[in-house]
ModelCIF file with pLDDT and N, C-alpha, C, O atoms, coordinates in Angstrom:
data_MODEL
#
_entry.id   MODEL 
#
_entity.id                         1 
_entity.type                       polymer 
_entity.pdbx_number_of_molecules   1 
#
_entity_poly.entity_id                      1 
_entity_poly.type                           'polypeptide(L)' 
_entity_poly.nstd_linkage                   no 
_entity_poly.nstd_monomer                   no 
_entity_poly.pdbx_seq_one_letter_code       GAPTTTAAVTTPAAGTTTAAGVPVSTTTAPRPEPQSVPARAVVLLTAG 
_entity_poly.pdbx_seq_one_letter_code_can   GAPTTTAAVTTPAAGTTTAAGVPVSTTTAPRPEPQSVPARAVVLLTAG 
_entity_poly.pdbx_strand_id                 A 
#
loop_
_entity_poly_seq.entity_id 
_entity_poly_seq.num 
_entity_poly_seq.mon_id 
_entity_poly_seq.hetero 
1 1  GLY n 
1 2  ALA n 
1 3  PRO n 
1 4  THR n 
1 5  THR n 
1 6  THR n 
1 7  ALA n 
1 8  ALA n 
1 9  VAL n 
1 10 THR n 
1 11 THR n 
1 12 PRO n 
1 13 ALA n 
1 14 ALA n 
1 15 GLY n 
1 16 THR n 
1 17 THR n 
1 18 THR n 
1 19 ALA n 
1 20 ALA n 
1 21 GLY n 
1 22 VAL n 
1 23 PRO n 
1 24 VAL n 
1 25 SER n 
1 26 THR n 
1 27 THR n 
1 28 THR n 
1 29 ALA n 
1 30 PRO n 
1 31 ARG n 
1 32 PRO n 
1 33 GLU n 
1 34 PRO n 
1 35 GLN n 
1 36 SER n 
1 37 VAL n 
1 38 PRO n 
1 39 ALA n 
1 40 ARG n 
1 41 ALA n 
1 42 VAL n 
1 43 VAL n 
1 44 LEU n 
1 45 LEU n 
1 46 THR n 
1 47 ALA n 
1 48 GLY n 
#
_struct_asym.id          A 
_struct_asym.entity_id   1 
#
loop_
_ma_qa_metric.id 
_ma_qa_metric.mode 
_ma_qa_metric.name 
_ma_qa_metric.software_group_id 
_ma_qa_metric.type 
1 global pLDDT . pLDDT 
2 local  pLDDT . pLDDT 
#
_ma_qa_metric_global.metric_id      1 
_ma_qa_metric_global.metric_value   53.31 
_ma_qa_metric_global.model_id       1 
_ma_qa_metric_global.ordinal_id     1 
#
loop_
_ma_qa_metric_local.label_asym_id 
_ma_qa_metric_local.label_comp_id 
_ma_qa_metric_local.label_seq_id 
_ma_qa_metric_local.metric_id 
_ma_qa_metric_local.metric_value 
_ma_qa_metric_local.model_id 
_ma_qa_metric_local.ordinal_id 
A GLY 1  2 43.00 1 1  
A ALA 2  2 42.00 1 2  
A PRO 3  2 43.00 1 3  
A THR 4  2 44.00 1 4  
A THR 5  2 43.00 1 5  
A THR 6  2 42.00 1 6  
A ALA 7  2 42.00 1 7  
A ALA 8  2 42.00 1 8  
A VAL 9  2 40.00 1 9  
A THR 10 2 42.00 1 10 
A THR 11 2 42.00 1 11 
A PRO 12 2 44.00 1 12 
A ALA 13 2 46.00 1 13 
A ALA 14 2 44.00 1 14 
A GLY 15 2 45.00 1 15 
A THR 16 2 44.00 1 16 
A THR 17 2 45.00 1 17 
A THR 18 2 42.00 1 18 
A ALA 19 2 40.00 1 19 
A ALA 20 2 40.00 1 20 
A GLY 21 2 42.00 1 21 
A VAL 22 2 38.00 1 22 
A PRO 23 2 42.00 1 23 
A VAL 24 2 41.00 1 24 
A SER 25 2 42.00 1 25 
A THR 26 2 43.00 1 26 
A THR 27 2 44.00 1 27 
A THR 28 2 46.00 1 28 
A ALA 29 2 45.00 1 29 
A PRO 30 2 47.00 1 30 
A ARG 31 2 47.00 1 31 
A PRO 32 2 44.00 1 32 
A GLU 33 2 46.00 1 33 
A PRO 34 2 42.00 1 34 
A GLN 35 2 45.00 1 35 
A SER 36 2 46.00 1 36 
A VAL 37 2 46.00 1 37 
A PRO 38 2 78.00 1 38 
A ALA 39 2 84.00 1 39 
A ARG 40 2 85.00 1 40 
A ALA 41 2 87.00 1 41 
A VAL 42 2 88.00 1 42 
A VAL 43 2 90.00 1 43 
A LEU 44 2 89.00 1 44 
A LEU 45 2 89.00 1 45 
A THR 46 2 89.00 1 46 
A ALA 47 2 90.00 1 47 
A GLY 48 2 89.00 1 48 
#
loop_
_atom_site.group_PDB 
_atom_site.id 
_atom_site.type_symbol 
_atom_site.label_atom_id 
_atom_site.label_alt_id 
_atom_site.label_comp_id 
_atom_site.label_asym_id 
_atom_site.label_entity_id 
_atom_site.label_seq_id 
_atom_site.pdbx_PDB_ins_code 
_atom_site.Cartn_x 
_atom_site.Cartn_y 
_atom_site.Cartn_z 
_atom_site.occupancy 
_atom_site.B_iso_or_equiv 
_atom_site.pdbx_formal_charge 
_atom_site.auth_seq_id 
_atom_site.auth_comp_id 
_atom_site.auth_asym_id 
_atom_site.auth_atom_id 
_atom_site.pdbx_PDB_model_num 
ATOM 1   N N  . GLY A 1 1  ? 1.274  -1.170  0.004   1.00 43.00 ? 1  GLY A N  1 
ATOM 2   C CA . GLY A 1 1  ? 0.073  0.140   -0.048  1.00 43.00 ? 1  GLY A CA 1 
ATOM 3   C C  . GLY A 1 1  ? 0.734  1.187   -0.159  1.00 43.00 ? 1  GLY A C  1 
ATOM 4   O O  . GLY A 1 1  ? 0.151  2.271   -0.173  1.00 43.00 ? 1  GLY A O  1 
ATOM 5   N N  . ALA A 1 2  ? 2.351  1.081   -0.283  1.00 42.00 ? 2  ALA A N  1 
ATOM 6   C CA . ALA A 1 2  ? 2.974  2.162   0.487   1.00 42.00 ? 2  ALA A CA 1 
ATOM 7   C C  . ALA A 1 2  ? 3.258  2.922   -0.920  1.00 42.00 ? 2  ALA A C  1 
ATOM 8   O O  . ALA A 1 2  ? 3.979  2.271   -1.676  1.00 42.00 ? 2  ALA A O  1 
ATOM 9   N N  . PRO A 1 3  ? 2.900  3.956   -1.323  1.00 43.00 ? 3  PRO A N  1 
ATOM 10  C CA . PRO A 1 3  ? 3.415  4.889   -2.514  1.00 43.00 ? 3  PRO A CA 1 
ATOM 11  C C  . PRO A 1 3  ? 4.596  4.528   -2.987  1.00 43.00 ? 3  PRO A C  1 
ATOM 12  O O  . PRO A 1 3  ? 5.545  4.332   -2.228  1.00 43.00 ? 3  PRO A O  1 
ATOM 13  N N  . THR A 1 4  ? 4.704  4.363   -4.657  1.00 44.00 ? 4  THR A N  1 
ATOM 14  C CA . THR A 1 4  ? 5.740  4.360   -5.363  1.00 44.00 ? 4  THR A CA 1 
ATOM 15  C C  . THR A 1 4  ? 5.755  4.705   -6.242  1.00 44.00 ? 4  THR A C  1 
ATOM 16  O O  . THR A 1 4  ? 4.697  4.753   -6.869  1.00 44.00 ? 4  THR A O  1 
ATOM 17  N N  . THR A 1 5  ? 7.356  5.302   -7.009  1.00 43.00 ? 5  THR A N  1 
ATOM 18  C CA . THR A 1 5  ? 7.374  5.997   -8.104  1.00 43.00 ? 5  THR A CA 1 
ATOM 19  C C  . THR A 1 5  ? 7.828  5.154   -9.141  1.00 43.00 ? 5  THR A C  1 
ATOM 20  O O  . THR A 1 5  ? 8.624  4.216   -9.099  1.00 43.00 ? 5  THR A O  1 
ATOM 21  N N  . THR A 1 6  ? 7.080  5.724   -10.244 1.00 42.00 ? 6  THR A N  1 
ATOM 22  C CA . THR A 1 6  ? 8.140  4.377   -11.519 1.00 42.00 ? 6  THR A CA 1 
ATOM 23  C C  . THR A 1 6  ? 8.202  5.760   -12.780 1.00 42.00 ? 6  THR A C  1 
ATOM 24  O O  . THR A 1 6  ? 7.262  6.385   -13.270 1.00 42.00 ? 6  THR A O  1 
ATOM 25  N N  . ALA A 1 7  ? 9.158  5.844   -12.935 1.00 42.00 ? 7  ALA A N  1 
ATOM 26  C CA . ALA A 1 7  ? 9.170  6.930   -13.722 1.00 42.00 ? 7  ALA A CA 1 
ATOM 27  C C  . ALA A 1 7  ? 10.508 6.599   -14.681 1.00 42.00 ? 7  ALA A C  1 
ATOM 28  O O  . ALA A 1 7  ? 11.460 5.822   -14.612 1.00 42.00 ? 7  ALA A O  1 
ATOM 29  N N  . ALA A 1 8  ? 10.000 7.713   -15.695 1.00 42.00 ? 8  ALA A N  1 
ATOM 30  C CA . ALA A 1 8  ? 11.376 7.873   -16.713 1.00 42.00 ? 8  ALA A CA 1 
ATOM 31  C C  . ALA A 1 8  ? 11.587 9.432   -16.558 1.00 42.00 ? 8  ALA A C  1 
ATOM 32  O O  . ALA A 1 8  ? 10.655 10.153  -16.201 1.00 42.00 ? 8  ALA A O  1 
ATOM 33  N N  . VAL A 1 9  ? 12.955 9.967   -16.864 1.00 40.00 ? 9  VAL A N  1 
ATOM 34  C CA . VAL A 1 9  ? 13.351 11.367  -16.774 1.00 40.00 ? 9  VAL A CA 1 
ATOM 35  C C  . VAL A 1 9  ? 12.702 11.656  -18.018 1.00 40.00 ? 9  VAL A C  1 
ATOM 36  O O  . VAL A 1 9  ? 12.563 10.994  -19.046 1.00 40.00 ? 9  VAL A O  1 
ATOM 37  N N  . THR A 1 10 ? 12.226 13.169  -17.569 1.00 42.00 ? 10 THR A N  1 
ATOM 38  C CA . THR A 1 10 ? 11.563 13.799  -18.845 1.00 42.00 ? 10 THR A CA 1 
ATOM 39  C C  . THR A 1 10 ? 12.364 14.508  -19.310 1.00 42.00 ? 10 THR A C  1 
ATOM 40  O O  . THR A 1 10 ? 12.830 15.032  -18.298 1.00 42.00 ? 10 THR A O  1 
ATOM 41  N N  . THR A 1 11 ? 12.976 14.995  -20.282 1.00 42.00 ? 11 THR A N  1 
ATOM 42  C CA . THR A 1 11 ? 13.606 15.804  -21.502 1.00 42.00 ? 11 THR A CA 1 
ATOM 43  C C  . THR A 1 11 ? 12.716 16.808  -21.795 1.00 42.00 ? 11 THR A C  1 
ATOM 44  O O  . THR A 1 11 ? 11.515 16.778  -21.526 1.00 42.00 ? 11 THR A O  1 
ATOM 45  N N  . PRO A 1 12 ? 13.347 17.762  -22.387 1.00 44.00 ? 12 PRO A N  1 
ATOM 46  C CA . PRO A 1 12 ? 12.720 18.933  -23.141 1.00 44.00 ? 12 PRO A CA 1 
ATOM 47  C C  . PRO A 1 12 ? 12.595 18.266  -24.547 1.00 44.00 ? 12 PRO A C  1 
ATOM 48  O O  . PRO A 1 12 ? 13.208 17.333  -25.066 1.00 44.00 ? 12 PRO A O  1 
ATOM 49  N N  . ALA A 1 13 ? 11.509 19.132  -25.014 1.00 46.00 ? 13 ALA A N  1 
ATOM 50  C CA . ALA A 1 13 ? 10.942 18.986  -26.671 1.00 46.00 ? 13 ALA A CA 1 
ATOM 51  C C  . ALA A 1 13 ? 12.182 18.554  -27.630 1.00 46.00 ? 13 ALA A C  1 
ATOM 52  O O  . ALA A 1 13 ? 13.298 18.757  -27.150 1.00 46.00 ? 13 ALA A O  1 
ATOM 53  N N  . ALA A 1 14 ? 12.102 17.825  -29.281 1.00 44.00 ? 14 ALA A N  1 
ATOM 54  C CA . ALA A 1 14 ? 12.585 18.070  -29.943 1.00 44.00 ? 14 ALA A CA 1 
ATOM 55  C C  . ALA A 1 14 ? 13.137 19.150  -30.635 1.00 44.00 ? 14 ALA A C  1 
ATOM 56  O O  . ALA A 1 14 ? 12.365 19.659  -31.447 1.00 44.00 ? 14 ALA A O  1 
ATOM 57  N N  . GLY A 1 15 ? 14.790 19.891  -30.508 1.00 45.00 ? 15 GLY A N  1 
ATOM 58  C CA . GLY A 1 15 ? 14.773 20.538  -30.997 1.00 45.00 ? 15 GLY A CA 1 
ATOM 59  C C  . GLY A 1 15 ? 15.088 22.493  -30.152 1.00 45.00 ? 15 GLY A C  1 
ATOM 60  O O  . GLY A 1 15 ? 15.320 23.660  -30.467 1.00 45.00 ? 15 GLY A O  1 
ATOM 61  N N  . THR A 1 16 ? 14.866 21.616  -29.007 1.00 44.00 ? 16 THR A N  1 
ATOM 62  C CA . THR A 1 16 ? 15.045 22.569  -27.628 1.00 44.00 ? 16 THR A CA 1 
ATOM 63  C C  . THR A 1 16 ? 16.421 22.296  -27.489 1.00 44.00 ? 16 THR A C  1 
ATOM 64  O O  . THR A 1 16 ? 17.043 21.302  -27.866 1.00 44.00 ? 16 THR A O  1 
ATOM 65  N N  . THR A 1 17 ? 16.855 23.395  -26.846 1.00 45.00 ? 17 THR A N  1 
ATOM 66  C CA . THR A 1 17 ? 18.926 23.610  -26.714 1.00 45.00 ? 17 THR A CA 1 
ATOM 67  C C  . THR A 1 17 ? 18.814 24.330  -25.111 1.00 45.00 ? 17 THR A C  1 
ATOM 68  O O  . THR A 1 17 ? 17.867 24.989  -24.682 1.00 45.00 ? 17 THR A O  1 
ATOM 69  N N  . THR A 1 18 ? 20.163 23.959  -24.354 1.00 42.00 ? 18 THR A N  1 
ATOM 70  C CA . THR A 1 18 ? 20.015 24.447  -23.005 1.00 42.00 ? 18 THR A CA 1 
ATOM 71  C C  . THR A 1 18 ? 20.530 25.994  -22.669 1.00 42.00 ? 18 THR A C  1 
ATOM 72  O O  . THR A 1 18 ? 20.663 26.350  -23.840 1.00 42.00 ? 18 THR A O  1 
ATOM 73  N N  . ALA A 1 19 ? 20.764 26.708  -22.194 1.00 40.00 ? 19 ALA A N  1 
ATOM 74  C CA . ALA A 1 19 ? 21.009 27.880  -21.673 1.00 40.00 ? 19 ALA A CA 1 
ATOM 75  C C  . ALA A 1 19 ? 22.015 28.280  -22.386 1.00 40.00 ? 19 ALA A C  1 
ATOM 76  O O  . ALA A 1 19 ? 21.992 29.448  -22.774 1.00 40.00 ? 19 ALA A O  1 
ATOM 77  N N  . ALA A 1 20 ? 23.181 27.398  -22.751 1.00 40.00 ? 20 ALA A N  1 
ATOM 78  C CA . ALA A 1 20 ? 24.312 27.525  -23.181 1.00 40.00 ? 20 ALA A CA 1 
ATOM 79  C C  . ALA A 1 20 ? 24.309 27.105  -24.843 1.00 40.00 ? 20 ALA A C  1 
ATOM 80  O O  . ALA A 1 20 ? 25.341 26.917  -25.487 1.00 40.00 ? 20 ALA A O  1 
ATOM 81  N N  . GLY A 1 21 ? 23.091 27.012  -25.324 1.00 42.00 ? 21 GLY A N  1 
ATOM 82  C CA . GLY A 1 21 ? 23.262 26.987  -26.930 1.00 42.00 ? 21 GLY A CA 1 
ATOM 83  C C  . GLY A 1 21 ? 23.111 25.166  -27.175 1.00 42.00 ? 21 GLY A C  1 
ATOM 84  O O  . GLY A 1 21 ? 23.011 24.796  -28.345 1.00 42.00 ? 21 GLY A O  1 
ATOM 85  N N  . VAL A 1 22 ? 23.103 24.407  -26.390 1.00 38.00 ? 22 VAL A N  1 
ATOM 86  C CA . VAL A 1 22 ? 23.879 23.011  -26.837 1.00 38.00 ? 22 VAL A CA 1 
ATOM 87  C C  . VAL A 1 22 ? 22.476 22.201  -26.979 1.00 38.00 ? 22 VAL A C  1 
ATOM 88  O O  . VAL A 1 22 ? 21.580 22.401  -26.158 1.00 38.00 ? 22 VAL A O  1 
ATOM 89  N N  . PRO A 1 23 ? 22.312 21.250  -28.087 1.00 42.00 ? 23 PRO A N  1 
ATOM 90  C CA . PRO A 1 23 ? 21.099 20.480  -28.187 1.00 42.00 ? 23 PRO A CA 1 
ATOM 91  C C  . PRO A 1 23 ? 20.734 19.695  -27.150 1.00 42.00 ? 23 PRO A C  1 
ATOM 92  O O  . PRO A 1 23 ? 21.583 19.083  -26.503 1.00 42.00 ? 23 PRO A O  1 
ATOM 93  N N  . VAL A 1 24 ? 19.644 19.639  -26.922 1.00 41.00 ? 24 VAL A N  1 
ATOM 94  C CA . VAL A 1 24 ? 19.327 18.600  -25.837 1.00 41.00 ? 24 VAL A CA 1 
ATOM 95  C C  . VAL A 1 24 ? 18.671 17.355  -26.653 1.00 41.00 ? 24 VAL A C  1 
ATOM 96  O O  . VAL A 1 24 ? 18.064 17.637  -27.686 1.00 41.00 ? 24 VAL A O  1 
ATOM 97  N N  . SER A 1 25 ? 18.759 15.978  -26.244 1.00 42.00 ? 25 SER A N  1 
ATOM 98  C CA . SER A 1 25 ? 18.910 14.999  -26.576 1.00 42.00 ? 25 SER A CA 1 
ATOM 99  C C  . SER A 1 25 ? 17.267 14.360  -25.979 1.00 42.00 ? 25 SER A C  1 
ATOM 100 O O  . SER A 1 25 ? 16.995 14.198  -24.789 1.00 42.00 ? 25 SER A O  1 
ATOM 101 N N  . THR A 1 26 ? 16.485 14.120  -26.956 1.00 43.00 ? 26 THR A N  1 
ATOM 102 C CA . THR A 1 26 ? 15.117 13.820  -26.559 1.00 43.00 ? 26 THR A CA 1 
ATOM 103 C C  . THR A 1 26 ? 14.760 12.213  -26.098 1.00 43.00 ? 26 THR A C  1 
ATOM 104 O O  . THR A 1 26 ? 13.640 11.919  -25.679 1.00 43.00 ? 26 THR A O  1 
ATOM 105 N N  . THR A 1 27 ? 15.769 11.296  -26.220 1.00 44.00 ? 27 THR A N  1 
ATOM 106 C CA . THR A 1 27 ? 15.353 10.234  -25.393 1.00 44.00 ? 27 THR A CA 1 
ATOM 107 C C  . THR A 1 27 ? 15.098 10.332  -23.582 1.00 44.00 ? 27 THR A C  1 
ATOM 108 O O  . THR A 1 27 ? 15.532 11.195  -22.819 1.00 44.00 ? 27 THR A O  1 
ATOM 109 N N  . THR A 1 28 ? 14.284 9.176   -23.275 1.00 46.00 ? 28 THR A N  1 
ATOM 110 C CA . THR A 1 28 ? 14.174 9.299   -22.314 1.00 46.00 ? 28 THR A CA 1 
ATOM 111 C C  . THR A 1 28 ? 14.843 7.802   -21.873 1.00 46.00 ? 28 THR A C  1 
ATOM 112 O O  . THR A 1 28 ? 14.829 6.757   -22.525 1.00 46.00 ? 28 THR A O  1 
ATOM 113 N N  . ALA A 1 29 ? 15.469 8.080   -20.461 1.00 45.00 ? 29 ALA A N  1 
ATOM 114 C CA . ALA A 1 29 ? 16.428 6.985   -19.620 1.00 45.00 ? 29 ALA A CA 1 
ATOM 115 C C  . ALA A 1 29 ? 15.639 6.271   -18.616 1.00 45.00 ? 29 ALA A C  1 
ATOM 116 O O  . ALA A 1 29 ? 15.644 6.842   -17.525 1.00 45.00 ? 29 ALA A O  1 
ATOM 117 N N  . PRO A 1 30 ? 14.848 5.007   -18.676 1.00 47.00 ? 30 PRO A N  1 
ATOM 118 C CA . PRO A 1 30 ? 13.762 4.915   -17.718 1.00 47.00 ? 30 PRO A CA 1 
ATOM 119 C C  . PRO A 1 30 ? 15.093 4.285   -16.472 1.00 47.00 ? 30 PRO A C  1 
ATOM 120 O O  . PRO A 1 30 ? 16.284 3.979   -16.528 1.00 47.00 ? 30 PRO A O  1 
ATOM 121 N N  . ARG A 1 31 ? 13.882 4.351   -15.301 1.00 47.00 ? 31 ARG A N  1 
ATOM 122 C CA . ARG A 1 31 ? 14.803 4.128   -14.295 1.00 47.00 ? 31 ARG A CA 1 
ATOM 123 C C  . ARG A 1 31 ? 14.746 2.931   -13.703 1.00 47.00 ? 31 ARG A C  1 
ATOM 124 O O  . ARG A 1 31 ? 13.630 2.488   -13.431 1.00 47.00 ? 31 ARG A O  1 
ATOM 125 N N  . PRO A 1 32 ? 15.744 2.279   -13.431 1.00 44.00 ? 32 PRO A N  1 
ATOM 126 C CA . PRO A 1 32 ? 15.951 0.620   -13.611 1.00 44.00 ? 32 PRO A CA 1 
ATOM 127 C C  . PRO A 1 32 ? 15.051 0.102   -12.334 1.00 44.00 ? 32 PRO A C  1 
ATOM 128 O O  . PRO A 1 32 ? 14.874 0.810   -11.343 1.00 44.00 ? 32 PRO A O  1 
ATOM 129 N N  . GLU A 1 33 ? 14.588 -1.014  -12.455 1.00 46.00 ? 33 GLU A N  1 
ATOM 130 C CA . GLU A 1 33 ? 13.766 -1.442  -11.372 1.00 46.00 ? 33 GLU A CA 1 
ATOM 131 C C  . GLU A 1 33 ? 14.772 -2.473  -10.346 1.00 46.00 ? 33 GLU A C  1 
ATOM 132 O O  . GLU A 1 33 ? 15.651 -3.301  -10.584 1.00 46.00 ? 33 GLU A O  1 
ATOM 133 N N  . PRO A 1 34 ? 14.130 -1.938  -9.098  1.00 42.00 ? 34 PRO A N  1 
ATOM 134 C CA . PRO A 1 34 ? 14.808 -3.027  -7.984  1.00 42.00 ? 34 PRO A CA 1 
ATOM 135 C C  . PRO A 1 34 ? 14.770 -4.297  -8.135  1.00 42.00 ? 34 PRO A C  1 
ATOM 136 O O  . PRO A 1 34 ? 13.762 -4.731  -8.692  1.00 42.00 ? 34 PRO A O  1 
ATOM 137 N N  . GLN A 1 35 ? 15.809 -5.271  -7.707  1.00 45.00 ? 35 GLN A N  1 
ATOM 138 C CA . GLN A 1 35 ? 16.110 -6.530  -7.923  1.00 45.00 ? 35 GLN A CA 1 
ATOM 139 C C  . GLN A 1 35 ? 15.766 -6.919  -6.360  1.00 45.00 ? 35 GLN A C  1 
ATOM 140 O O  . GLN A 1 35 ? 16.143 -6.176  -5.454  1.00 45.00 ? 35 GLN A O  1 
ATOM 141 N N  . SER A 1 36 ? 15.111 -7.990  -6.124  1.00 46.00 ? 36 SER A N  1 
ATOM 142 C CA . SER A 1 36 ? 15.323 -8.907  -5.294  1.00 46.00 ? 36 SER A CA 1 
ATOM 143 C C  . SER A 1 36 ? 16.903 -9.061  -4.927  1.00 46.00 ? 36 SER A C  1 
ATOM 144 O O  . SER A 1 36 ? 17.949 -8.800  -5.522  1.00 46.00 ? 36 SER A O  1 
ATOM 145 N N  . VAL A 1 37 ? 16.555 -9.632  -3.615  1.00 46.00 ? 37 VAL A N  1 
ATOM 146 C CA . VAL A 1 37 ? 17.747 -10.647 -2.876  1.00 46.00 ? 37 VAL A CA 1 
ATOM 147 C C  . VAL A 1 37 ? 17.914 -12.046 -3.695  1.00 46.00 ? 37 VAL A C  1 
ATOM 148 O O  . VAL A 1 37 ? 16.821 -12.572 -3.906  1.00 46.00 ? 37 VAL A O  1 
ATOM 149 N N  . PRO A 1 38 ? 19.031 -12.772 -4.205  1.00 78.00 ? 38 PRO A N  1 
ATOM 150 C CA . PRO A 1 38 ? 18.604 -13.987 -4.952  1.00 78.00 ? 38 PRO A CA 1 
ATOM 151 C C  . PRO A 1 38 ? 18.473 -14.862 -3.360  1.00 78.00 ? 38 PRO A C  1 
ATOM 152 O O  . PRO A 1 38 ? 19.477 -15.324 -2.819  1.00 78.00 ? 38 PRO A O  1 
ATOM 153 N N  . ALA A 1 39 ? 17.152 -14.977 -2.784  1.00 84.00 ? 39 ALA A N  1 
ATOM 154 C CA . ALA A 1 39 ? 16.304 -16.136 -2.055  1.00 84.00 ? 39 ALA A CA 1 
ATOM 155 C C  . ALA A 1 39 ? 16.731 -17.169 -2.503  1.00 84.00 ? 39 ALA A C  1 
ATOM 156 O O  . ALA A 1 39 ? 17.298 -17.942 -1.731  1.00 84.00 ? 39 ALA A O  1 
ATOM 157 N N  . ARG A 1 40 ? 16.581 -17.521 -3.977  1.00 85.00 ? 40 ARG A N  1 
ATOM 158 C CA . ARG A 1 40 ? 16.516 -19.103 -4.182  1.00 85.00 ? 40 ARG A CA 1 
ATOM 159 C C  . ARG A 1 40 ? 17.927 -19.677 -3.943  1.00 85.00 ? 40 ARG A C  1 
ATOM 160 O O  . ARG A 1 40 ? 18.063 -20.816 -3.496  1.00 85.00 ? 40 ARG A O  1 
ATOM 161 N N  . ALA A 1 41 ? 19.181 -18.733 -4.300  1.00 87.00 ? 41 ALA A N  1 
ATOM 162 C CA . ALA A 1 41 ? 20.283 -19.470 -4.194  1.00 87.00 ? 41 ALA A CA 1 
ATOM 163 C C  . ALA A 1 41 ? 20.854 -19.817 -2.731  1.00 87.00 ? 41 ALA A C  1 
ATOM 164 O O  . ALA A 1 41 ? 21.463 -20.845 -2.434  1.00 87.00 ? 41 ALA A O  1 
ATOM 165 N N  . VAL A 1 42 ? 20.466 -18.531 -1.706  1.00 88.00 ? 42 VAL A N  1 
ATOM 166 C CA . VAL A 1 42 ? 20.484 -19.168 -0.475  1.00 88.00 ? 42 VAL A CA 1 
ATOM 167 C C  . VAL A 1 42 ? 19.774 -19.893 -0.084  1.00 88.00 ? 42 VAL A C  1 
ATOM 168 O O  . VAL A 1 42 ? 20.211 -20.389 0.955   1.00 88.00 ? 42 VAL A O  1 
ATOM 169 N N  . VAL A 1 43 ? 18.538 -20.383 -0.450  1.00 90.00 ? 43 VAL A N  1 
ATOM 170 C CA . VAL A 1 43 ? 17.914 -21.714 0.189   1.00 90.00 ? 43 VAL A CA 1 
ATOM 171 C C  . VAL A 1 43 ? 18.214 -23.263 -0.256  1.00 90.00 ? 43 VAL A C  1 
ATOM 172 O O  . VAL A 1 43 ? 17.986 -24.314 0.341   1.00 90.00 ? 43 VAL A O  1 
ATOM 173 N N  . LEU A 1 44 ? 19.036 -22.905 -2.014  1.00 89.00 ? 44 LEU A N  1 
ATOM 174 C CA . LEU A 1 44 ? 19.631 -24.013 -2.266  1.00 89.00 ? 44 LEU A CA 1 
ATOM 175 C C  . LEU A 1 44 ? 20.745 -24.180 -1.679  1.00 89.00 ? 44 LEU A C  1 
ATOM 176 O O  . LEU A 1 44 ? 21.149 -25.328 -1.494  1.00 89.00 ? 44 LEU A O  1 
ATOM 177 N N  . LEU A 1 45 ? 21.800 -22.605 -1.079  1.00 89.00 ? 45 LEU A N  1 
ATOM 178 C CA . LEU A 1 45 ? 23.410 -23.469 -0.418  1.00 89.00 ? 45 LEU A CA 1 
ATOM 179 C C  . LEU A 1 45 ? 22.681 -23.816 0.935   1.00 89.00 ? 45 LEU A C  1 
ATOM 180 O O  . LEU A 1 45 ? 23.382 -24.597 1.578   1.00 89.00 ? 45 LEU A O  1 
ATOM 181 N N  . THR A 1 46 ? 21.916 -23.608 1.356   1.00 89.00 ? 46 THR A N  1 
ATOM 182 C CA . THR A 1 46 ? 21.338 -24.053 2.672   1.00 89.00 ? 46 THR A CA 1 
ATOM 183 C C  . THR A 1 46 ? 20.885 -25.470 2.880   1.00 89.00 ? 46 THR A C  1 
ATOM 184 O O  . THR A 1 46 ? 21.036 -26.265 3.809   1.00 89.00 ? 46 THR A O  1 
ATOM 185 N N  . ALA A 1 47 ? 20.315 -25.527 1.781   1.00 90.00 ? 47 ALA A N  1 
ATOM 186 C CA . ALA A 1 47 ? 19.826 -27.114 1.303   1.00 90.00 ? 47 ALA A CA 1 
ATOM 187 C C  . ALA A 1 47 ? 21.019 -28.247 1.376   1.00 90.00 ? 47 ALA A C  1 
ATOM 188 O O  . ALA A 1 47 ? 21.113 -29.349 1.915   1.00 90.00 ? 47 ALA A O  1 
ATOM 189 N N  . GLY A 1 48 ? 22.002 -27.316 0.452   1.00 89.00 ? 48 GLY A N  1 
ATOM 190 C CA . GLY A 1 48 ? 23.361 -28.358 0.461   1.00 89.00 ? 48 GLY A CA 1 
ATOM 191 C C  . GLY A 1 48 ? 24.007 -28.276 1.413   1.00 89.00 ? 48 GLY A C  1 
ATOM 192 O O  . GLY A 1 48 ? 25.012 -28.974 1.539   1.00 89.00 ? 48 GLY A O  1 
#
C-alpha cells in the first residue's frame, strides 16, 4: 500500500537547447527496476 514512483526522466521537446545553446537529446532514460535478493540461491545453498 505504500506509494512508489516508477518514472522515466523527462527531457525537453525535440529541437530545444540549453541556456548555453547545446542541443538536448529527446530520448528518455528509464529508471531501473529494483532487484530482489537472490533468495533462491540462499535456500539452495542452505539445503546443500
